[in-house]
């Protein structure tokens, strides 16, 4: 069984929409047959919101990694990441 990340749209009984980047699983013919609900990688209220979140995450890769020591967030030097 193969899988990849795909955008999955869901509509809830309240008509609220959700766009999530989720793990989607495929059958032997390459047809998507299931996904991992509750295991979203990214989530947004609209496709545009999801694109914005992705852009902001990409920006995070240009900044130092933060380490949480249990009390404080500390910027790590690139050599200590």
PDB file of N, CA and C in Angstrom:
ATOM      1  N   UNK A   1       0.853  -1.173   0.000  1.00  0.00           N
ATOM      2  CA  UNK A   1       0.000   0.000   0.000  1.00  0.00           C
ATOM      3  C   UNK A   1       0.899   1.237   0.000  1.00  0.00           C
ATOM      4  N   UNK A   2       0.567   2.184  -0.853  1.00  0.00           N
ATOM      5  CA  UNK A   2       1.336   3.422  -0.917  1.00  0.00           C
ATOM      6  C   UNK A   2       0.516   4.571  -0.333  1.00  0.00           C
ATOM      7  N   UNK A   3       1.215   5.631   0.016  1.00  0.00           N
ATOM      8  CA  UNK A   3       0.545   6.812   0.546  1.00  0.00           C
ATOM      9  C   UNK A   3       1.351   8.043   0.173  1.00  0.00           C
ATOM     10  N   UNK A   4       0.691   9.200   0.279  1.00  0.00           N
ATOM     11  CA  UNK A   4       1.354  10.485   0.164  1.00  0.00           C
ATOM     12  C   UNK A   4       0.498  11.520   0.875  1.00  0.00           C
ATOM     13  N   UNK A   5       0.981  12.743   0.897  1.00  0.00           N
ATOM     14  CA  UNK A   5       0.202  13.818   1.495  1.00  0.00           C
ATOM     15  C   UNK A   5      -0.696  14.430   0.435  1.00  0.00           C
ATOM     16  N   UNK A   6      -1.950  14.651   0.796  1.00  0.00           N
ATOM     17  CA  UNK A   6      -2.920  15.285  -0.094  1.00  0.00           C
ATOM     18  C   UNK A   6      -3.767  16.256   0.713  1.00  0.00           C
ATOM     19  N   UNK A   7      -4.343  17.236   0.027  1.00  0.00           N
ATOM     20  CA  UNK A   7      -5.286  18.135   0.682  1.00  0.00           C
ATOM     21  C   UNK A   7      -6.641  17.445   0.698  1.00  0.00           C
ATOM     22  N   UNK A   8      -7.234  17.339   1.880  1.00  0.00           N
ATOM     23  CA  UNK A   8      -8.536  16.705   2.053  1.00  0.00           C
ATOM     24  C   UNK A   8      -9.501  17.763   2.587  1.00  0.00           C
ATOM     25  N   UNK A   9     -10.602  17.978   1.854  1.00  0.00           N
ATOM     26  CA  UNK A   9     -11.633  18.917   2.295  1.00  0.00           C
ATOM     27  C   UNK A   9     -12.733  18.125   2.987  1.00  0.00           C
ATOM     28  N   UNK A  10     -13.188  18.637   4.130  1.00  0.00           N
ATOM     29  CA  UNK A  10     -14.305  18.032   4.837  1.00  0.00           C
ATOM     30  C   UNK A  10     -15.321  19.119   5.157  1.00  0.00           C
ATOM     31  N   UNK A  11     -16.611  18.750   5.170  1.00  0.00           N
ATOM     32  CA  UNK A  11     -17.675  19.662   5.571  1.00  0.00           C
ATOM     33  C   UNK A  11     -18.384  19.013   6.758  1.00  0.00           C
ATOM     34  N   UNK A  12     -18.451  19.736   7.853  1.00  0.00           N
ATOM     35  CA  UNK A  12     -19.042  19.225   9.080  1.00  0.00           C
ATOM     36  C   UNK A  12     -20.533  19.547   9.127  1.00  0.00           C
ATOM     37  N   UNK A  13     -21.304  18.884  10.011  1.00  0.00           N
ATOM     38  CA  UNK A  13     -22.749  19.133  10.094  1.00  0.00           C
ATOM     39  C   UNK A  13     -23.114  20.608  10.276  1.00  0.00           C
ATOM     40  N   UNK A  14     -22.220  21.390  10.874  1.00  0.00           N
ATOM     41  CA  UNK A  14     -22.469  22.826  11.063  1.00  0.00           C
ATOM     42  C   UNK A  14     -22.178  23.628   9.798  1.00  0.00           C
ATOM     43  N   UNK A  15     -21.857  22.925   8.686  1.00  0.00           N
ATOM     44  CA  UNK A  15     -21.458  23.522   7.406  1.00  0.00           C
ATOM     45  C   UNK A  15     -20.089  24.177   7.460  1.00  0.00           C
ATOM     46  N   UNK A  16     -19.353  23.984   8.550  1.00  0.00           N
ATOM     47  CA  UNK A  16     -17.985  24.481   8.643  1.00  0.00           C
ATOM     48  C   UNK A  16     -17.102  23.622   7.747  1.00  0.00           C
ATOM     49  N   UNK A  17     -16.244  24.273   6.960  1.00  0.00           N
ATOM     50  CA  UNK A  17     -15.338  23.559   6.066  1.00  0.00           C
ATOM     51  C   UNK A  17     -13.949  23.497   6.671  1.00  0.00           C
ATOM     52  N   UNK A  18     -13.245  22.429   6.363  1.00  0.00           N
ATOM     53  CA  UNK A  18     -11.874  22.257   6.818  1.00  0.00           C
ATOM     54  C   UNK A  18     -11.050  21.745   5.651  1.00  0.00           C
ATOM     55  N   UNK A  19      -9.886  22.319   5.453  1.00  0.00           N
ATOM     56  CA  UNK A  19      -8.932  21.860   4.451  1.00  0.00           C
ATOM     57  C   UNK A  19      -7.706  21.382   5.205  1.00  0.00           C
ATOM     58  N   UNK A  20      -7.365  20.113   5.044  1.00  0.00           N
ATOM     59  CA  UNK A  20      -6.269  19.528   5.803  1.00  0.00           C
ATOM     60  C   UNK A  20      -5.280  18.837   4.882  1.00  0.00           C
ATOM     61  N   UNK A  21      -4.009  18.954   5.191  1.00  0.00           N
ATOM     62  CA  UNK A  21      -2.995  18.136   4.536  1.00  0.00           C
ATOM     63  C   UNK A  21      -2.921  16.855   5.365  1.00  0.00           C
ATOM     64  N   UNK A  22      -3.302  15.741   4.755  1.00  0.00           N
ATOM     65  CA  UNK A  22      -3.402  14.467   5.466  1.00  0.00           C
ATOM     66  C   UNK A  22      -2.669  13.371   4.718  1.00  0.00           C
ATOM     67  N   UNK A  23      -2.356  12.292   5.436  1.00  0.00           N
ATOM     68  CA  UNK A  23      -1.824  11.091   4.800  1.00  0.00           C
ATOM     69  C   UNK A  23      -2.987  10.394   4.096  1.00  0.00           C
ATOM     70  N   UNK A  24      -2.842  10.161   2.793  1.00  0.00           N
ATOM     71  CA  UNK A  24      -3.865   9.467   2.005  1.00  0.00           C
ATOM     72  C   UNK A  24      -3.267   8.163   1.503  1.00  0.00           C
ATOM     73  N   UNK A  25      -4.042   7.087   1.621  1.00  0.00           N
ATOM     74  CA  UNK A  25      -3.581   5.748   1.246  1.00  0.00           C
ATOM     75  C   UNK A  25      -4.273   5.297  -0.036  1.00  0.00           C
ATOM     76  N   UNK A  26      -3.518   4.552  -0.872  1.00  0.00           N
ATOM     77  CA  UNK A  26      -3.982   4.146  -2.196  1.00  0.00           C
ATOM     78  C   UNK A  26      -4.027   2.630  -2.309  1.00  0.00           C
ATOM     79  N   UNK A  27      -4.968   2.140  -3.134  1.00  0.00           N
ATOM     80  CA  UNK A  27      -5.016   0.700  -3.397  1.00  0.00           C
ATOM     81  C   UNK A  27      -4.010   0.340  -4.482  1.00  0.00           C
ATOM     82  N   UNK A  28      -3.990  -0.929  -4.876  1.00  0.00           N
ATOM     83  CA  UNK A  28      -3.012  -1.408  -5.861  1.00  0.00           C
ATOM     84  C   UNK A  28      -3.179  -0.775  -7.238  1.00  0.00           C
ATOM     85  N   UNK A  29      -4.339  -0.147  -7.492  1.00  0.00           N
ATOM     86  CA  UNK A  29      -4.575   0.527  -8.771  1.00  0.00           C
ATOM     87  C   UNK A  29      -4.291   2.028  -8.705  1.00  0.00           C
ATOM     88  N   UNK A  30      -3.789   2.494  -7.569  1.00  0.00           N
ATOM     89  CA  UNK A  30      -3.484   3.910  -7.425  1.00  0.00           C
ATOM     90  C   UNK A  30      -4.681   4.777  -7.099  1.00  0.00           C
ATOM     91  N   UNK A  31      -5.792   4.152  -6.672  1.00  0.00           N
ATOM     92  CA  UNK A  31      -7.001   4.897  -6.328  1.00  0.00           C
ATOM     93  C   UNK A  31      -6.988   5.193  -4.822  1.00  0.00           C
ATOM     94  N   UNK A  32      -7.176   6.468  -4.440  1.00  0.00           N
ATOM     95  CA  UNK A  32      -7.187   6.769  -3.011  1.00  0.00           C
ATOM     96  C   UNK A  32      -8.384   6.104  -2.336  1.00  0.00           C
ATOM     97  N   UNK A  33      -8.128   5.410  -1.213  1.00  0.00           N
ATOM     98  CA  UNK A  33      -9.228   4.707  -0.551  1.00  0.00           C
ATOM     99  C   UNK A  33      -9.406   5.077   0.914  1.00  0.00           C
ATOM    100  N   UNK A  34      -8.411   5.704   1.524  1.00  0.00           N
ATOM    101  CA  UNK A  34      -8.579   6.099   2.920  1.00  0.00           C
ATOM    102  C   UNK A  34      -7.565   7.176   3.274  1.00  0.00           C
ATOM    103  N   UNK A  35      -7.822   7.819   4.399  1.00  0.00           N
ATOM    104  CA  UNK A  35      -6.867   8.795   4.914  1.00  0.00           C
ATOM    105  C   UNK A  35      -6.854   8.692   6.428  1.00  0.00           C
ATOM    106  N   UNK A  36      -5.897   9.358   7.037  1.00  0.00           N
ATOM    107  CA  UNK A  36      -5.724   9.284   8.487  1.00  0.00           C
ATOM    108  C   UNK A  36      -6.362  10.500   9.149  1.00  0.00           C
ATOM    109  N   UNK A  37      -7.663  10.439   9.459  1.00  0.00           N
ATOM    110  CA  UNK A  37      -8.290  11.585  10.131  1.00  0.00           C
ATOM    111  C   UNK A  37      -7.675  11.777  11.510  1.00  0.00           C
ATOM    112  N   UNK A  38      -7.541  13.017  11.907  1.00  0.00           N
ATOM    113  CA  UNK A  38      -6.931  13.314  13.193  1.00  0.00           C
ATOM    114  C   UNK A  38      -5.414  13.305  13.144  1.00  0.00           C
ATOM    115  N   UNK A  39      -4.852  13.009  11.988  1.00  0.00           N
ATOM    116  CA  UNK A  39      -3.396  12.994  11.831  1.00  0.00           C
ATOM    117  C   UNK A  39      -2.995  13.987  10.740  1.00  0.00           C
ATOM    118  N   UNK A  40      -3.644  15.149  10.753  1.00  0.00           N
ATOM    119  CA  UNK A  40      -3.370  16.167   9.752  1.00  0.00           C
ATOM    120  C   UNK A  40      -1.996  16.777   9.977  1.00  0.00           C
ATOM    121  N   UNK A  41      -1.359  17.082   8.882  1.00  0.00           N
ATOM    122  CA  UNK A  41      -0.074  17.762   8.929  1.00  0.00           C
ATOM    123  C   UNK A  41      -0.302  19.268   9.005  1.00  0.00           C
ATOM    124  N   UNK A  42      -1.219  19.769   8.191  1.00  0.00           N
ATOM    125  CA  UNK A  42      -1.608  21.181   8.174  1.00  0.00           C
ATOM    126  C   UNK A  42      -3.120  21.251   8.100  1.00  0.00           C
ATOM    127  N   UNK A  43      -3.679  22.319   8.629  1.00  0.00           N
ATOM    128  CA  UNK A  43      -5.120  22.484   8.590  1.00  0.00           C
ATOM    129  C   UNK A  43      -5.454  23.960   8.474  1.00  0.00           C
ATOM    130  N   UNK A  44      -6.529  24.272   7.746  1.00  0.00           N
ATOM    131  CA  UNK A  44      -6.970  25.646   7.601  1.00  0.00           C
ATOM    132  C   UNK A  44      -8.457  25.708   7.333  1.00  0.00           C
ATOM    133  N   UNK A  45      -9.051  26.896   7.506  1.00  0.00           N
ATOM    134  CA  UNK A  45     -10.481  27.081   7.288  1.00  0.00           C
ATOM    135  C   UNK A  45     -10.844  27.233   5.817  1.00  0.00           C
ATOM    136  N   UNK A  46      -9.848  27.484   4.971  1.00  0.00           N
ATOM    137  CA  UNK A  46     -10.078  27.615   3.531  1.00  0.00           C
ATOM    138  C   UNK A  46      -8.797  27.202   2.820  1.00  0.00           C
ATOM    139  N   UNK A  47      -8.887  26.997   1.521  1.00  0.00           N
ATOM    140  CA  UNK A  47      -7.699  26.653   0.752  1.00  0.00           C
ATOM    141  C   UNK A  47      -6.683  27.789   0.820  1.00  0.00           C
ATOM    142  N   UNK A  48      -7.172  29.030   0.770  1.00  0.00           N
ATOM    143  CA  UNK A  48      -6.282  30.186   0.856  1.00  0.00           C
ATOM    144  C   UNK A  48      -5.588  30.232   2.217  1.00  0.00           C
ATOM    145  N   UNK A  49      -6.320  29.920   3.284  1.00  0.00           N
ATOM    146  CA  UNK A  49      -5.737  29.886   4.626  1.00  0.00           C
ATOM    147  C   UNK A  49      -4.656  28.817   4.707  1.00  0.00           C
ATOM    148  N   UNK A  50      -4.914  27.664   4.113  1.00  0.00           N
ATOM    149  CA  UNK A  50      -3.938  26.580   4.111  1.00  0.00           C
ATOM    150  C   UNK A  50      -2.678  26.985   3.350  1.00  0.00           C
ATOM    151  N   UNK A  51      -2.846  27.680   2.217  1.00  0.00           N
ATOM    152  CA  UNK A  51      -1.688  28.165   1.456  1.00  0.00           C
ATOM    153  C   UNK A  51      -0.886  29.170   2.279  1.00  0.00           C
ATOM    154  N   UNK A  52      -1.583  30.054   3.005  1.00  0.00           N
ATOM    155  CA  UNK A  52      -0.903  31.032   3.854  1.00  0.00           C
ATOM    156  C   UNK A  52      -0.105  30.323   4.944  1.00  0.00           C
ATOM    157  N   UNK A  53      -0.722  29.313   5.592  1.00  0.00           N
ATOM    158  CA  UNK A  53      -0.030  28.555   6.640  1.00  0.00           C
ATOM    159  C   UNK A  53       1.224  27.911   6.068  1.00  0.00           C
ATOM    160  N   UNK A  54       1.117  27.325   4.885  1.00  0.00           N
ATOM    161  CA  UNK A  54       2.270  26.684   4.251  1.00  0.00           C
ATOM    162  C   UNK A  54       3.383  27.699   3.987  1.00  0.00           C
ATOM    163  N   UNK A  55       3.025  28.880   3.506  1.00  0.00           N
ATOM    164  CA  UNK A  55       4.016  29.929   3.254  1.00  0.00           C
ATOM    165  C   UNK A  55       4.716  30.334   4.548  1.00  0.00           C
ATOM    166  N   UNK A  56       3.940  30.484   5.612  1.00  0.00           N
ATOM    167  CA  UNK A  56       4.523  30.866   6.898  1.00  0.00           C
ATOM    168  C   UNK A  56       5.435  29.770   7.436  1.00  0.00           C
ATOM    169  N   UNK A  57       5.070  28.509   7.233  1.00  0.00           N
ATOM    170  CA  UNK A  57       5.925  27.401   7.670  1.00  0.00           C
ATOM    171  C   UNK A  57       7.231  27.408   6.888  1.00  0.00           C
ATOM    172  N   UNK A  58       7.165  27.686   5.588  1.00  0.00           N
ATOM    173  CA  UNK A  58       8.386  27.753   4.785  1.00  0.00           C
ATOM    174  C   UNK A  58       9.323  28.832   5.324  1.00  0.00           C
ATOM    175  N   UNK A  59       8.759  29.947   5.784  1.00  0.00           N
ATOM    176  CA  UNK A  59       9.579  31.016   6.364  1.00  0.00           C
ATOM    177  C   UNK A  59      10.285  30.541   7.629  1.00  0.00           C
ATOM    178  N   UNK A  60       9.659  29.630   8.376  1.00  0.00           N
ATOM    179  CA  UNK A  60      10.248  29.133   9.622  1.00  0.00           C
ATOM    180  C   UNK A  60      11.564  28.406   9.370  1.00  0.00           C
ATOM    181  N   UNK A  61      11.709  27.801   8.180  1.00  0.00           N
ATOM    182  CA  UNK A  61      12.944  27.097   7.851  1.00  0.00           C
ATOM    183  C   UNK A  61      14.116  28.055   7.649  1.00  0.00           C
ATOM    184  N   UNK A  62      13.831  29.341   7.483  1.00  0.00           N
ATOM    185  CA  UNK A  62      14.876  30.341   7.296  1.00  0.00           C
ATOM    186  C   UNK A  62      15.344  30.934   8.624  1.00  0.00           C
ATOM    187  N   UNK A  63      14.741  30.495   9.728  1.00  0.00           N
ATOM    188  CA  UNK A  63      15.063  31.018  11.053  1.00  0.00           C
ATOM    189  C   UNK A  63      15.706  29.927  11.898  1.00  0.00           C
ATOM    190  N   UNK A  64      16.437  30.315  12.953  1.00  0.00           N
ATOM    191  CA  UNK A  64      17.043  29.308  13.827  1.00  0.00           C
ATOM    192  C   UNK A  64      15.985  28.431  14.504  1.00  0.00           C
ATOM    193  N   UNK A  65      16.353  27.185  14.762  1.00  0.00           N
ATOM    194  CA  UNK A  65      15.489  26.267  15.496  1.00  0.00           C
ATOM    195  C   UNK A  65      15.380  26.765  16.933  1.00  0.00           C
ATOM    196  N   UNK A  66      14.182  26.644  17.501  1.00  0.00           N
ATOM    197  CA  UNK A  66      13.982  26.997  18.898  1.00  0.00           C
ATOM    198  C   UNK A  66      14.010  25.738  19.751  1.00  0.00           C
ATOM    199  N   UNK A  67      14.693  25.818  20.877  1.00  0.00           N
ATOM    200  CA  UNK A  67      14.749  24.703  21.824  1.00  0.00           C
ATOM    201  C   UNK A  67      13.976  25.106  23.075  1.00  0.00           C
ATOM    202  N   UNK A  68      13.064  24.244  23.539  1.00  0.00           N
ATOM    203  CA  UNK A  68      12.319  24.507  24.764  1.00  0.00           C
ATOM    204  C   UNK A  68      12.952  23.702  25.884  1.00  0.00           C
ATOM    205  N   UNK A  69      13.488  24.391  26.876  1.00  0.00           N
ATOM    206  CA  UNK A  69      14.192  23.717  27.972  1.00  0.00           C
ATOM    207  C   UNK A  69      13.271  23.366  29.142  1.00  0.00           C
ATOM    208  N   UNK A  70      11.979  23.465  28.931  1.00  0.00           N
ATOM    209  CA  UNK A  70      11.011  23.206  29.985  1.00  0.00           C
ATOM    210  C   UNK A  70      10.477  24.483  30.599  1.00  0.00           C
ATOM    211  N   UNK A  71      11.177  25.582  30.337  1.00  0.00           N
ATOM    212  CA  UNK A  71      10.781  26.877  30.883  1.00  0.00           C
ATOM    213  C   UNK A  71      10.882  28.009  29.866  1.00  0.00           C
ATOM    214  N   UNK A  72      11.892  27.948  29.011  1.00  0.00           N
ATOM    215  CA  UNK A  72      12.173  29.038  28.077  1.00  0.00           C
ATOM    216  C   UNK A  72      12.380  28.500  26.663  1.00  0.00           C
ATOM    217  N   UNK A  73      12.101  29.364  25.675  1.00  0.00           N
ATOM    218  CA  UNK A  73      12.451  29.079  24.284  1.00  0.00           C
ATOM    219  C   UNK A  73      13.796  29.720  23.998  1.00  0.00           C
ATOM    220  N   UNK A  74      14.720  28.940  23.481  1.00  0.00           N
ATOM    221  CA  UNK A  74      16.084  29.406  23.235  1.00  0.00           C
ATOM    222  C   UNK A  74      16.427  29.166  21.771  1.00  0.00           C
ATOM    223  N   UNK A  75      16.919  30.209  21.079  1.00  0.00           N
ATOM    224  CA  UNK A  75      17.352  30.036  19.694  1.00  0.00           C
ATOM    225  C   UNK A  75      18.650  29.252  19.663  1.00  0.00           C
ATOM    226  N   UNK A  76      18.679  28.179  18.874  1.00  0.00           N
ATOM    227  CA  UNK A  76      19.887  27.376  18.725  1.00  0.00           C
ATOM    228  C   UNK A  76      20.764  27.943  17.626  1.00  0.00           C
ATOM    229  N   UNK A  77      22.053  27.825  17.810  1.00  0.00           N
ATOM    230  CA  UNK A  77      22.989  28.183  16.752  1.00  0.00           C
ATOM    231  C   UNK A  77      22.903  27.092  15.694  1.00  0.00           C
ATOM    232  N   UNK A  78      23.071  27.441  14.410  1.00  0.00           N
ATOM    233  CA  UNK A  78      22.943  26.434  13.347  1.00  0.00           C
ATOM    234  C   UNK A  78      23.753  25.165  13.586  1.00  0.00           C
ATOM    235  N   UNK A  79      24.923  25.262  14.185  1.00  0.00           N
ATOM    236  CA  UNK A  79      25.755  24.076  14.404  1.00  0.00           C
ATOM    237  C   UNK A  79      25.204  23.168  15.498  1.00  0.00           C
ATOM    238  N   UNK A  80      24.250  23.640  16.301  1.00  0.00           N
ATOM    239  CA  UNK A  80      23.713  22.857  17.416  1.00  0.00           C
ATOM    240  C   UNK A  80      22.307  22.337  17.160  1.00  0.00           C
ATOM    241  N   UNK A  81      21.800  22.510  15.954  1.00  0.00           N
ATOM    242  CA  UNK A  81      20.443  22.070  15.635  1.00  0.00           C
ATOM    243  C   UNK A  81      20.414  20.578  15.530  1.00  0.00           C
TER     244      UNK A  81
END
